[in-house]
Amino acid sequence: MEVENQEREEKMQFEIKLHETKLKLQEDLQLKIGNLKQYAETPASQAKLPKLVITKFNGTYADWPRFWGQYSESIDKSNVPPVTKFTYLRELLDARVRKTVEALPQTAEGYNRALAVLKDRFGKESEIVKAYVKEILDLPYTPTGNPKRIHEFYEKLSYSVQSLETLKSLHEVNGMVSLTLEKLPTIRGDLVRNDPDWETWDFVKFAEALRQWTRRNPMVYFKTEDPPQHRNSKRDSMFQTQQKRTRKCVYCQADDHKPSECRKITAPADRKEFLAMKKLCFNCTGPHKSSECKSTTTCQTCGKRHHTSICGLSKEVKTEEVLTAHQPENKEVVYPIVLVEVDGIKTHALLDTGAGSSYASTKLINLL
């Protein structure tokens, strides 16, 4: 009997403990659900969002919808004082546009007048539509299938089409689809191949077909003929070569003769005076000091380190060259031979200028 009572009591204690555990779990669950509801009902203004950066208004009709949409939601509808709003507005305007509202007073009334001026000048829907239509009309004729150019074409077209669609004015330009399509003659066949009704396209369908083409032909898969760096180096090399070929005479600026052949300033002394007055190098006639010259060329007349045009030694009085025995056979050779007397015997001696040592002396050789 006692055993049964003990078992019954243990069973009751277990059920009580189990019930308390269930109640605790239910309370925890209700608390979590309440926290989730509170988080979901938190206003967006209290949520931590990254700082919004508004690009300055550039003063065009096409940029006004973008600017006003960002500014009105972020600043104009906020609870900050109108004077503070006016400060933000002025800082977000291009310098040319800022002049139209800069003279207005920094007050609430001045802020309202500034908004009225900007809306009246740039917020006219008819002018905005014209601006986007002009963007489409000004799309460049692209005769090549260069992916980069096609991507740029698509980005400009897509922006204008989306803007006109937002303004509900896209129907005003649908008649220009065929004209715009003709600006892409190379890929025109790719765009219309899978749609037999392409002649009835509006700009939405045209932009979508162009988008599909850009997806199939991404820019990263195409390599240009020459890297920009290589093209620049080739261009610079050609420019330097052309510059070298058309170098003018430093004394008279003519390009039909060398400086050493100039007839305007002929005397070497006068040429030196001219180079010194112009602060030009005496070695290469460049615009630097002679001590800083890196040119390895020397005078063509005397071989010294100065420009040929200022050499005082003319080519006519240049020292005669003595031909030696090691020169080619078809030239006249003068051997370096002298008449000597050794032990009373007269003979001819050949002077070997290439010998490393000599045993001749005044006692041994008597030059006649």
Protein backbone atom coordinates (compact mmCIF):
# COMPACT_ATOMS: atom_id res chain seq x y z
CA MET A 1 0.00 0.00 0.00
CA GLU A 2 2.78 2.36 0.87
CA VAL A 3 4.55 1.52 -2.37
CA GLU A 4 1.46 2.43 -4.42
CA ASN A 5 1.05 5.74 -2.56
CA GLN A 6 4.69 6.58 -3.19
CA GLU A 7 4.40 5.82 -6.90
CA ARG A 8 1.25 7.90 -7.15
CA GLU A 9 2.93 10.83 -5.43
CA GLU A 10 5.98 10.63 -7.74
CA LYS A 11 3.71 10.55 -10.77
CA MET A 12 1.85 13.62 -9.56
CA GLN A 13 5.09 15.49 -8.94
CA PHE A 14 6.27 14.62 -12.49
CA GLU A 15 3.02 15.90 -14.03
CA ILE A 16 3.23 19.13 -12.05
CA LYS A 17 6.81 19.69 -13.15
CA LEU A 18 5.89 18.92 -16.78
CA HIS A 19 3.05 21.44 -16.65
CA GLU A 20 5.33 24.14 -15.25
CA THR A 21 7.83 23.49 -18.05
CA LYS A 22 5.11 23.85 -20.70
CA LEU A 23 3.95 27.15 -19.17
CA LYS A 24 7.49 28.50 -19.20
CA LEU A 25 8.04 27.52 -22.84
CA GLN A 26 4.76 29.21 -23.81
CA GLU A 27 5.80 32.42 -22.01
CA ASP A 28 9.17 32.45 -23.82
CA LEU A 29 7.46 31.90 -27.15
CA GLN A 30 5.01 34.73 -26.56
CA LEU A 31 7.86 37.05 -25.60
CA LYS A 32 9.78 36.28 -28.82
CA ILE A 33 6.65 36.80 -30.94
CA GLY A 34 6.09 40.17 -29.24
CA ASN A 35 9.64 41.26 -29.97
CA LEU A 36 9.30 40.32 -33.64
CA LYS A 37 6.05 42.29 -33.96
CA GLN A 38 7.63 45.32 -32.31
CA TYR A 39 10.59 45.15 -34.69
CA ALA A 40 8.32 44.81 -37.72
CA GLU A 41 6.22 47.81 -36.63
CA THR A 42 9.27 50.08 -36.11
CA PRO A 43 8.94 53.16 -38.43
CA ALA A 44 11.37 53.32 -41.33
CA SER A 45 12.58 56.71 -40.12
CA GLN A 46 13.97 55.06 -36.95
CA ALA A 47 15.82 52.32 -38.84
CA LYS A 48 19.58 52.73 -39.26
CA LEU A 49 20.16 53.33 -42.96
CA PRO A 50 23.39 54.28 -44.73
CA LYS A 51 23.90 57.98 -45.37
CA LEU A 52 22.31 59.05 -48.64
CA VAL A 53 24.52 61.09 -50.95
CA ILE A 54 22.65 63.30 -53.42
CA THR A 55 24.49 64.19 -56.60
CA LYS A 56 24.44 67.89 -57.49
CA PHE A 57 21.83 69.10 -59.97
CA ASN A 58 23.67 69.88 -63.22
CA GLY A 59 21.14 72.37 -64.55
CA THR A 60 19.54 70.30 -67.35
CA TYR A 61 15.92 69.33 -67.86
CA ALA A 62 16.86 65.66 -68.12
CA ASP A 63 18.52 65.70 -64.69
CA TRP A 64 15.72 67.53 -62.85
CA PRO A 65 13.40 64.53 -62.18
CA ARG A 66 16.28 62.58 -60.65
CA PHE A 67 17.43 65.46 -58.47
CA TRP A 68 14.01 66.58 -57.31
CA GLY A 69 12.94 63.02 -56.45
CA GLN A 70 15.97 62.53 -54.19
CA TYR A 71 15.93 66.02 -52.68
CA SER A 72 12.22 66.17 -51.90
CA GLU A 73 12.16 62.78 -50.13
CA SER A 74 15.40 63.25 -48.20
CA ILE A 75 15.36 66.96 -47.30
CA ASP A 76 12.28 68.88 -48.37
CA LYS A 77 9.85 66.51 -46.57
CA SER A 78 12.00 66.30 -43.44
CA ASN A 79 11.30 68.21 -40.21
CA VAL A 80 14.40 70.42 -40.33
CA PRO A 81 13.89 74.21 -40.41
CA PRO A 82 13.42 75.85 -43.84
CA VAL A 83 16.62 77.86 -43.39
CA THR A 84 18.59 74.61 -43.04
CA LYS A 85 16.81 73.19 -46.09
CA PHE A 86 17.80 76.27 -48.07
CA THR A 87 21.44 75.72 -47.08
CA TYR A 88 21.31 72.13 -48.32
CA LEU A 89 19.57 73.22 -51.52
CA ARG A 90 22.22 75.79 -52.41
CA GLU A 91 25.04 73.31 -51.82
CA LEU A 92 23.38 70.73 -54.09
CA LEU A 93 23.11 73.06 -57.08
CA ASP A 94 25.67 73.47 -59.82
CA ALA A 95 27.50 76.83 -59.66
CA ARG A 96 25.67 78.10 -62.75
CA VAL A 97 22.26 77.16 -61.33
CA ARG A 98 23.09 78.43 -57.84
CA LYS A 99 23.34 81.98 -59.17
CA THR A 100 19.58 81.98 -59.87
CA VAL A 101 18.73 81.62 -56.14
CA GLU A 102 21.88 82.91 -54.45
CA ALA A 103 20.55 86.45 -53.98
CA LEU A 104 17.37 85.31 -52.19
CA PRO A 105 17.23 85.89 -48.41
CA GLN A 106 18.24 83.01 -46.12
CA THR A 107 14.74 82.71 -44.65
CA ALA A 108 11.73 80.43 -44.93
CA GLU A 109 10.23 82.77 -47.51
CA GLY A 110 13.48 82.80 -49.46
CA TYR A 111 13.52 78.99 -49.48
CA ASN A 112 9.97 78.80 -50.84
CA ARG A 113 10.79 81.36 -53.53
CA ALA A 114 13.92 79.38 -54.50
CA LEU A 115 11.86 76.20 -54.95
CA ALA A 116 9.34 78.11 -57.06
CA VAL A 117 12.10 79.52 -59.28
CA LEU A 118 13.71 76.10 -59.83
CA LYS A 119 10.43 74.32 -60.52
CA ASP A 120 9.31 77.01 -62.95
CA ARG A 121 12.59 76.90 -64.85
CA PHE A 122 13.47 73.21 -64.84
CA GLY A 123 10.32 71.37 -63.76
CA LYS A 124 8.19 71.88 -66.88
CA GLU A 125 7.14 68.44 -68.04
CA SER A 126 6.99 69.43 -71.70
CA GLU A 127 10.63 70.61 -71.63
CA ILE A 128 11.73 67.48 -69.77
CA VAL A 129 10.04 65.27 -72.38
CA LYS A 130 11.76 67.22 -75.16
CA ALA A 131 15.11 66.69 -73.45
CA TYR A 132 14.68 62.91 -73.34
CA VAL A 133 13.43 62.82 -76.92
CA LYS A 134 16.52 64.77 -77.96
CA GLU A 135 18.71 62.22 -76.14
CA ILE A 136 17.21 59.47 -78.30
CA LEU A 137 17.54 61.49 -81.51
CA ASP A 138 21.19 62.28 -80.70
CA LEU A 139 22.20 58.65 -80.24
CA PRO A 140 25.34 58.16 -82.37
CA TYR A 141 25.44 56.19 -85.61
CA THR A 142 27.45 53.06 -84.77
CA PRO A 143 28.57 51.25 -87.94
CA THR A 144 30.79 48.74 -86.11
CA GLY A 145 29.91 45.89 -83.79
CA ASN A 146 32.27 47.11 -81.06
CA PRO A 147 30.66 45.81 -77.81
CA LYS A 148 31.79 48.84 -75.82
CA ARG A 149 30.05 51.25 -78.20
CA ILE A 150 26.91 49.09 -78.31
CA HIS A 151 26.77 48.97 -74.50
CA GLU A 152 27.08 52.76 -74.31
CA PHE A 153 24.34 53.10 -76.93
CA TYR A 154 22.06 50.80 -74.90
CA GLU A 155 22.66 52.62 -71.61
CA LYS A 156 21.73 56.01 -73.09
CA LEU A 157 18.68 54.58 -74.86
CA SER A 158 17.48 52.66 -71.81
CA TYR A 159 17.73 55.69 -69.52
CA SER A 160 15.73 57.89 -71.88
CA VAL A 161 13.10 55.20 -72.52
CA GLN A 162 12.58 54.54 -68.80
CA SER A 163 12.33 58.27 -68.08
CA LEU A 164 9.74 58.83 -70.81
CA GLU A 165 7.83 55.77 -69.62
CA THR A 166 7.75 57.21 -66.08
CA LEU A 167 6.40 60.49 -67.47
CA LYS A 168 3.84 58.48 -69.52
CA SER A 169 5.11 60.15 -72.69
CA LEU A 170 6.85 57.25 -74.39
CA HIS A 171 4.12 57.01 -77.02
CA GLU A 172 5.29 60.35 -78.43
CA VAL A 173 8.52 58.80 -79.77
CA ASN A 174 7.47 55.30 -80.80
CA GLY A 175 7.48 56.37 -84.43
CA MET A 176 11.28 56.80 -84.26
CA VAL A 177 12.06 53.16 -83.46
CA SER A 178 12.88 52.26 -87.06
CA LEU A 179 15.10 55.34 -87.44
CA THR A 180 16.99 54.49 -84.24
CA LEU A 181 17.37 50.85 -85.28
CA GLU A 182 19.08 51.96 -88.50
CA LYS A 183 21.86 53.47 -86.38
CA LEU A 184 23.02 49.92 -85.56
CA PRO A 185 23.46 48.39 -89.05
CA THR A 186 26.02 45.78 -87.96
CA ILE A 187 23.83 44.12 -85.29
CA ARG A 188 20.44 44.98 -86.76
CA GLY A 189 20.01 41.43 -88.09
CA ASP A 190 20.83 39.94 -84.66
CA LEU A 191 18.22 42.12 -82.96
CA VAL A 192 15.27 41.36 -85.25
CA ARG A 193 16.07 37.74 -86.26
CA ASN A 194 13.79 36.00 -83.73
CA ASP A 195 10.79 38.33 -83.99
CA PRO A 196 8.81 38.38 -87.27
CA ASP A 197 6.83 41.38 -85.99
CA TRP A 198 9.88 43.55 -85.37
CA GLU A 199 8.54 46.26 -87.69
CA THR A 200 5.82 47.01 -85.12
CA TRP A 201 8.22 47.40 -82.21
CA ASP A 202 7.91 50.22 -79.73
CA PHE A 203 10.91 51.48 -77.79
CA VAL A 204 10.25 49.09 -74.89
CA LYS A 205 10.65 46.04 -77.15
CA PHE A 206 13.59 47.59 -78.97
CA ALA A 207 15.38 48.33 -75.68
CA GLU A 208 14.69 44.78 -74.47
CA ALA A 209 16.14 43.25 -77.66
CA LEU A 210 19.21 45.44 -77.28
CA ARG A 211 19.53 44.42 -73.63
CA GLN A 212 19.51 40.74 -74.61
CA TRP A 213 22.24 41.42 -77.17
CA THR A 214 24.45 43.14 -74.57
CA ARG A 215 23.98 40.16 -72.24
CA ARG A 216 25.11 37.76 -74.97
CA ASN A 217 28.04 40.02 -75.88
CA PRO A 218 29.61 41.33 -72.66
CA MET A 219 32.55 43.69 -73.01
CA VAL A 220 34.92 41.55 -70.93
CA TYR A 221 34.98 38.83 -73.59
CA PHE A 222 36.32 41.12 -76.34
CA LYS A 223 39.91 42.25 -76.80
CA THR A 224 40.74 45.42 -78.62
CA GLU A 225 43.28 45.42 -81.45
CA ASP A 226 45.92 47.29 -79.47
CA PRO A 227 45.99 48.04 -75.74
CA PRO A 228 45.60 51.78 -75.04
CA GLN A 229 49.12 51.92 -73.59
CA HIS A 230 50.57 50.31 -76.74
CA ARG A 231 48.61 52.63 -79.01
CA ASN A 232 49.87 55.65 -77.08
CA SER A 233 53.48 54.45 -77.25
CA LYS A 234 53.17 53.89 -81.02
CA ARG A 235 51.67 57.32 -81.47
CA ASP A 236 54.37 58.94 -79.33
CA SER A 237 57.07 57.06 -81.27
CA MET A 238 55.64 58.25 -84.60
CA PHE A 239 55.41 61.79 -83.26
CA GLN A 240 59.03 61.74 -82.06
CA THR A 241 60.20 60.35 -85.41
CA GLN A 242 58.31 63.03 -87.28
CA GLN A 243 59.69 65.63 -84.93
CA LYS A 244 63.22 64.40 -85.56
CA ARG A 245 62.81 64.49 -89.32
CA THR A 246 61.43 68.02 -89.38
CA ARG A 247 63.95 69.56 -86.97
CA LYS A 248 64.60 73.17 -87.93
CA CYS A 249 67.82 75.15 -88.02
CA VAL A 250 68.38 76.64 -84.59
CA TYR A 251 69.68 79.92 -86.05
CA CYS A 252 67.05 80.75 -88.71
CA GLN A 253 64.24 78.19 -88.06
CA ALA A 254 64.38 76.93 -91.65
CA ASP A 255 63.95 73.20 -92.22
CA ASP A 256 65.87 72.85 -95.50
CA HIS A 257 69.41 72.81 -94.11
CA LYS A 258 71.50 71.88 -91.08
CA PRO A 259 72.60 74.46 -88.48
CA SER A 260 76.22 74.08 -89.65
CA GLU A 261 75.11 75.14 -93.17
CA CYS A 262 73.14 78.20 -92.06
CA ARG A 263 73.82 81.36 -94.10
CA LYS A 264 72.02 83.78 -91.80
CA ILE A 265 74.55 83.49 -88.97
CA THR A 266 77.80 82.16 -90.39
CA ALA A 267 80.64 83.04 -88.01
CA PRO A 268 81.26 80.50 -85.21
CA ALA A 269 81.68 83.34 -82.69
CA ASP A 270 78.32 84.85 -83.66
CA ARG A 271 76.69 81.43 -83.39
CA LYS A 272 78.13 80.95 -79.91
CA GLU A 273 76.82 84.37 -78.90
CA PHE A 274 73.38 83.44 -80.28
CA LEU A 275 73.27 80.14 -78.31
CA ALA A 276 74.42 81.88 -75.14
CA MET A 277 71.75 84.59 -75.51
CA LYS A 278 69.03 81.94 -76.02
CA LYS A 279 70.47 79.84 -73.15
CA LEU A 280 70.94 76.84 -75.42
CA CYS A 281 73.41 73.96 -75.08
CA PHE A 282 76.74 74.39 -76.94
CA ASN A 283 76.85 70.63 -77.57
CA CYS A 284 73.39 69.80 -79.00
CA THR A 285 71.67 73.25 -79.13
CA GLY A 286 68.98 71.95 -76.78
CA PRO A 287 67.22 74.10 -74.12
CA HIS A 288 69.55 73.17 -71.22
CA LYS A 289 73.05 73.80 -69.90
CA SER A 290 76.02 72.19 -71.61
CA SER A 291 77.02 70.58 -68.29
CA GLU A 292 73.62 68.84 -68.17
CA CYS A 293 73.70 67.59 -71.78
CA LYS A 294 73.26 63.83 -72.15
CA SER A 295 74.04 63.73 -75.87
CA THR A 296 77.02 61.54 -76.85
CA THR A 297 77.57 63.17 -80.25
CA THR A 298 80.72 65.18 -80.95
CA CYS A 299 81.81 67.70 -83.55
CA GLN A 300 81.91 66.24 -87.06
CA THR A 301 84.88 68.46 -87.97
CA CYS A 302 87.36 68.09 -85.11
CA GLY A 303 85.76 65.37 -82.98
CA LYS A 304 85.65 67.50 -79.83
CA ARG A 305 82.62 67.90 -77.57
CA HIS A 306 80.78 70.85 -79.09
CA HIS A 307 78.24 71.40 -81.86
CA THR A 308 79.59 71.20 -85.41
CA SER A 309 78.11 74.60 -86.30
CA ILE A 310 80.31 76.47 -83.79
CA CYS A 311 83.57 74.71 -84.63
CA GLY A 312 86.34 77.18 -85.55
CA LEU A 313 88.15 74.61 -87.69
CA SER A 314 86.69 74.36 -91.18
CA LYS A 315 86.58 71.11 -93.10
CA GLU A 316 88.94 72.51 -95.71
CA VAL A 317 91.79 72.98 -93.20
CA LYS A 318 91.13 69.73 -91.40
CA THR A 319 94.33 67.86 -90.51
CA GLU A 320 95.28 65.33 -93.17
CA GLU A 321 94.82 61.73 -92.27
CA VAL A 322 97.94 59.57 -92.47
CA LEU A 323 97.17 56.15 -93.88
CA THR A 324 98.95 53.30 -92.16
CA ALA A 325 99.86 49.77 -93.26
CA HIS A 326 96.87 48.11 -91.61
CA GLN A 327 94.38 49.94 -93.85
CA PRO A 328 92.69 48.39 -96.94
CA GLU A 329 94.86 47.60 -99.94
CA ASN A 330 92.93 49.75 -102.36
CA LYS A 331 94.08 52.91 -100.58
CA GLU A 332 97.45 54.64 -100.75
CA VAL A 333 99.57 53.68 -97.76
CA VAL A 334 102.41 55.67 -96.19
CA TYR A 335 104.62 53.46 -94.03
CA PRO A 336 106.10 55.04 -90.86
CA ILE A 337 109.76 54.49 -91.86
CA VAL A 338 112.80 56.54 -90.79
CA LEU A 339 116.48 56.45 -91.82
CA VAL A 340 118.74 55.35 -88.95
CA GLU A 341 122.47 54.52 -88.44
CA VAL A 342 123.45 51.55 -86.27
CA ASP A 343 127.17 50.84 -85.68
CA GLY A 344 128.06 52.97 -88.70
CA ILE A 345 125.56 51.19 -90.90
CA LYS A 346 122.73 53.28 -92.44
CA THR A 347 119.39 51.55 -92.86
CA HIS A 348 115.64 52.09 -92.79
CA ALA A 349 113.66 51.33 -89.62
CA LEU A 350 109.93 50.63 -89.52
CA LEU A 351 108.19 52.18 -86.51
CA ASP A 352 105.73 49.68 -85.07
CA THR A 353 103.11 51.84 -83.38
CA GLY A 354 101.34 48.76 -82.07
CA ALA A 355 104.32 47.37 -80.15
CA GLY A 356 104.01 47.07 -76.40
CA SER A 357 107.65 48.06 -75.77
CA SER A 358 110.64 49.58 -77.61
CA TYR A 359 114.41 49.09 -77.31
CA ALA A 360 115.38 52.17 -79.33
CA SER A 361 117.47 54.87 -77.66
CA THR A 362 119.36 58.03 -78.68
CA LYS A 363 122.63 56.18 -78.30
CA LEU A 364 121.51 53.43 -80.63
CA ILE A 365 119.61 55.43 -83.25
CA ASN A 366 120.87 58.50 -84.98
CA LEU A 367 118.00 60.04 -86.94
CA LEU A 368 119.10 61.82 -90.04
